[in-house]
Amino acid sequence: MATAKHFSAAGQEKGTVELPEATFGAPLRPDVVYDALRSYRANQRQGTVATKTRSLVAGGGKKPWRQKGTGRARHGSTRSPIWVGGGTVFGPQPRDYSYQIPKKMRRLAICSVLSERAKDGMVYVVDDLSLEAPKTKTIAGLFKTLSLSDKRVLYVGKGPDITLYRSVRNIAGARCIPADQISVYDVLSTDAIVIQNGALEMLKGVAE
């Protein structure tokens, strides 16, 4: 059974807490993690890049010079790809880069990376915070108490909390996301994971 250190909202150590076995007890699967990460990053691409072909470039309707008698090469348009200012040949066009992997693979990948963080002792559980207004100082003090000031930290909350999000976002290298939105990329791009106690139950659903 995987365990993690348990802290109060002020950063005082309270002992350890058992982590959900289904989520934090999965074997490492680098192949599945690679597929999930590749899919995630591909899905983030907008695919809106576009270049103009010779038919899309404005102008070029008039033949530059007569066909014969000038001693120069034959040309029909100044928007030909071999001209400066002409169209682009085989340039990128708008496309959809996204693709999906099976749901079971995605779940296994997330559980795999979460389990590795737990084995390395980089998963911390803290009591739920109740902030009336954004307080970066409060979150920064908590990270300092946990000796995480020099690390990239992923703070996992119970659900969408704009106050908590604004408190975390000003800390360099720190991110805040709801438990039901955690991804392989979020875990791999940070060094340590701080989970609110109430979010542990939500993380059980990651493996289901």
Protein backbone atom coordinates (compact mmCIF):
# COMPACT_ATOMS: atom_id res chain seq x y z
CA MET A 1 0.00 0.00 0.00
CA ALA A 2 1.43 3.33 -1.06
CA THR A 3 1.56 6.06 1.57
CA ALA A 4 2.27 9.77 1.63
CA LYS A 5 3.14 12.27 4.32
CA HIS A 6 0.14 14.11 5.72
CA PHE A 7 0.36 17.80 6.63
CA SER A 8 -2.01 20.37 8.03
CA ALA A 9 -2.97 23.42 5.99
CA ALA A 10 -0.22 25.31 7.86
CA GLY A 11 2.42 22.71 6.95
CA GLN A 12 2.64 20.81 10.25
CA GLU A 13 3.30 17.11 9.77
CA LYS A 14 0.46 14.91 11.05
CA GLY A 15 1.76 11.49 10.05
CA THR A 16 1.05 9.45 6.95
CA VAL A 17 -2.02 8.66 4.91
CA GLU A 18 -2.73 5.65 2.72
CA LEU A 19 -3.09 6.41 -0.97
CA PRO A 20 -5.68 4.63 -3.14
CA GLU A 21 -4.06 1.39 -4.28
CA ALA A 22 -5.80 1.39 -7.65
CA THR A 23 -4.37 4.81 -8.51
CA PHE A 24 -0.99 4.82 -6.76
CA GLY A 25 -0.10 1.13 -6.96
CA ALA A 26 0.16 0.66 -10.73
CA PRO A 27 3.31 -0.70 -12.40
CA LEU A 28 5.44 1.58 -14.54
CA ARG A 29 4.54 1.31 -18.23
CA PRO A 30 6.86 3.59 -20.24
CA ASP A 31 5.28 2.53 -23.53
CA VAL A 32 1.77 3.50 -22.43
CA VAL A 33 3.04 6.72 -20.83
CA TYR A 34 4.73 7.66 -24.11
CA ASP A 35 1.54 7.12 -26.11
CA ALA A 36 -0.53 9.13 -23.62
CA LEU A 37 1.95 12.01 -23.57
CA ARG A 38 2.21 12.07 -27.35
CA SER A 39 -1.57 12.10 -27.66
CA TYR A 40 -1.92 14.91 -25.10
CA ARG A 41 0.62 17.14 -26.81
CA ALA A 42 -0.83 16.47 -30.25
CA ASN A 43 -4.28 17.44 -28.99
CA GLN A 44 -2.90 20.80 -27.81
CA ARG A 45 -1.86 21.79 -31.33
CA GLN A 46 -4.18 24.27 -32.99
CA GLY A 47 -3.25 23.26 -36.52
CA THR A 48 -4.11 26.70 -37.91
CA VAL A 49 -0.85 27.35 -39.77
CA ALA A 50 -1.44 28.10 -43.46
CA THR A 51 0.66 29.17 -46.43
CA LYS A 52 -0.55 30.61 -49.72
CA THR A 53 -0.22 28.69 -52.93
CA ARG A 54 0.17 30.51 -56.26
CA SER A 55 -3.60 30.53 -56.64
CA LEU A 56 -4.03 32.36 -53.33
CA VAL A 57 -1.35 35.06 -53.69
CA ALA A 58 -2.80 38.36 -54.87
CA GLY A 59 -1.72 39.72 -58.25
CA GLY A 60 0.22 38.01 -61.00
CA GLY A 61 -2.59 38.03 -63.51
CA LYS A 62 -0.56 39.75 -66.21
CA LYS A 63 2.16 37.95 -68.14
CA PRO A 64 5.47 39.62 -67.09
CA TRP A 65 6.76 39.90 -70.67
CA ARG A 66 6.01 38.49 -74.08
CA GLN A 67 6.59 34.84 -74.79
CA LYS A 68 9.32 35.18 -77.38
CA GLY A 69 12.05 37.55 -78.40
CA THR A 70 13.32 38.88 -75.06
CA GLY A 71 16.05 36.32 -74.47
CA ARG A 72 14.65 35.61 -71.06
CA ALA A 73 12.88 32.53 -69.74
CA ARG A 74 9.19 32.05 -70.45
CA HIS A 75 6.96 33.17 -67.57
CA GLY A 76 3.23 33.43 -67.26
CA SER A 77 2.88 34.92 -63.77
CA THR A 78 4.98 36.76 -61.18
CA ARG A 79 3.27 34.66 -58.50
CA SER A 80 4.96 31.48 -59.65
CA PRO A 81 6.76 29.66 -56.77
CA ILE A 82 10.17 30.41 -58.33
CA TRP A 83 9.56 34.16 -58.09
CA VAL A 84 10.15 36.29 -55.01
CA GLY A 85 6.72 37.02 -53.60
CA GLY A 86 5.26 34.01 -55.34
CA GLY A 87 3.23 31.19 -53.86
CA THR A 88 4.54 28.35 -51.70
CA VAL A 89 4.76 24.79 -52.94
CA PHE A 90 3.66 22.01 -50.57
CA GLY A 91 3.51 24.42 -47.64
CA PRO A 92 1.63 23.57 -44.40
CA GLN A 93 -2.14 23.86 -44.48
CA PRO A 94 -4.73 23.79 -41.67
CA ARG A 95 -5.21 20.29 -40.32
CA ASP A 96 -6.32 18.44 -37.21
CA TYR A 97 -3.40 16.89 -35.33
CA SER A 98 -5.46 15.41 -32.52
CA TYR A 99 -5.96 11.71 -31.96
CA GLN A 100 -7.26 9.66 -29.08
CA ILE A 101 -5.87 6.60 -27.35
CA PRO A 102 -8.10 4.01 -25.65
CA LYS A 103 -9.56 5.12 -22.33
CA LYS A 104 -7.97 2.20 -20.47
CA MET A 105 -4.54 3.13 -21.79
CA ARG A 106 -4.99 6.74 -20.71
CA ARG A 107 -6.02 5.68 -17.22
CA LEU A 108 -3.12 3.25 -16.94
CA ALA A 109 -0.66 5.94 -18.01
CA ILE A 110 -1.88 8.42 -15.38
CA CYS A 111 -1.83 5.78 -12.64
CA SER A 112 1.65 4.72 -13.75
CA VAL A 113 3.22 8.16 -13.39
CA LEU A 114 1.34 8.89 -10.15
CA SER A 115 2.61 5.61 -8.71
CA GLU A 116 6.19 6.50 -9.60
CA ARG A 117 5.88 9.86 -7.86
CA ALA A 118 4.51 8.09 -4.78
CA LYS A 119 7.39 5.57 -4.79
CA ASP A 120 9.86 8.44 -4.96
CA GLY A 121 8.23 10.08 -1.94
CA MET A 122 7.18 13.14 -3.92
CA VAL A 123 3.45 12.97 -3.13
CA TYR A 124 2.21 15.07 -0.22
CA VAL A 125 -1.28 15.24 1.25
CA VAL A 126 -2.45 18.45 2.94
CA ASP A 127 -5.68 19.38 4.65
CA ASP A 128 -8.13 21.37 2.59
CA LEU A 129 -7.48 25.10 2.40
CA SER A 130 -10.26 27.65 2.70
CA LEU A 131 -9.09 30.95 1.27
CA GLU A 132 -11.49 33.88 1.25
CA ALA A 133 -9.22 35.78 -1.15
CA PRO A 134 -6.16 34.89 -3.25
CA LYS A 135 -3.13 34.59 -0.96
CA THR A 136 0.07 33.62 -2.76
CA LYS A 137 1.99 34.13 0.49
CA THR A 138 -0.01 31.37 2.18
CA ILE A 139 0.71 28.81 -0.56
CA ALA A 140 4.36 29.88 -0.83
CA GLY A 141 4.74 29.44 2.92
CA LEU A 142 3.25 25.96 2.71
CA PHE A 143 5.66 24.98 -0.07
CA LYS A 144 8.58 26.36 1.94
CA THR A 145 7.56 24.32 4.98
CA LEU A 146 7.41 21.20 2.80
CA SER A 147 10.86 22.03 1.36
CA LEU A 148 9.40 22.42 -2.11
CA SER A 149 10.38 26.04 -2.77
CA ASP A 150 13.01 25.04 -5.34
CA LYS A 151 10.87 22.41 -7.07
CA ARG A 152 8.15 22.42 -9.69
CA VAL A 153 4.96 21.66 -7.79
CA LEU A 154 1.58 20.41 -8.98
CA TYR A 155 -1.16 21.39 -6.53
CA VAL A 156 -4.24 19.19 -6.91
CA GLY A 157 -7.50 20.59 -5.55
CA LYS A 158 -10.96 19.08 -5.09
CA GLY A 159 -12.54 21.02 -7.92
CA PRO A 160 -12.50 24.33 -9.78
CA ASP A 161 -11.43 26.97 -7.24
CA ILE A 162 -10.51 30.33 -8.76
CA THR A 163 -9.24 31.65 -5.41
CA LEU A 164 -6.85 28.72 -4.98
CA TYR A 165 -5.80 28.90 -8.62
CA ARG A 166 -4.90 32.58 -8.32
CA SER A 167 -2.98 31.88 -5.13
CA VAL A 168 -0.78 29.28 -6.84
CA ARG A 169 -0.28 30.73 -10.31
CA ASN A 170 2.13 33.49 -9.22
CA ILE A 171 4.60 30.96 -7.78
CA ALA A 172 7.33 30.10 -10.27
CA GLY A 173 7.10 26.50 -11.44
CA ALA A 174 3.83 25.80 -9.60
CA ARG A 175 0.53 24.76 -11.16
CA CYS A 176 -2.95 24.19 -9.76
CA ILE A 177 -5.54 21.87 -11.32
CA PRO A 178 -8.70 20.05 -10.17
CA ALA A 179 -8.27 16.35 -9.45
CA ASP A 180 -10.58 15.29 -12.27
CA GLN A 181 -8.46 17.15 -14.85
CA ILE A 182 -5.07 15.65 -14.01
CA SER A 183 -3.08 14.36 -16.98
CA VAL A 184 0.17 12.56 -17.69
CA TYR A 185 1.71 15.81 -18.92
CA ASP A 186 0.83 17.61 -15.66
CA VAL A 187 2.56 14.95 -13.57
CA LEU A 188 5.66 14.58 -15.75
CA SER A 189 6.21 18.34 -16.04
CA THR A 190 6.48 18.77 -12.25
CA ASP A 191 8.73 17.35 -9.53
CA ALA A 192 6.30 17.01 -6.63
CA ILE A 193 2.55 16.64 -6.19
CA VAL A 194 0.63 18.27 -3.33
CA ILE A 195 -2.88 16.84 -3.02
CA GLN A 196 -5.68 18.23 -0.92
CA ASN A 197 -7.11 15.61 1.40
CA GLY A 198 -10.54 15.95 -0.16
CA ALA A 199 -9.11 15.37 -3.63
CA LEU A 200 -7.86 11.85 -2.82
CA GLU A 201 -11.36 10.44 -3.22
CA MET A 202 -11.64 12.09 -6.63
CA LEU A 203 -8.33 10.57 -7.71
CA LYS A 204 -9.78 7.12 -7.14
CA GLY A 205 -11.95 7.75 -10.17
CA VAL A 206 -8.86 8.12 -12.36
CA ALA A 207 -8.36 4.35 -12.29
CA GLU A 208 -12.03 3.46 -12.72
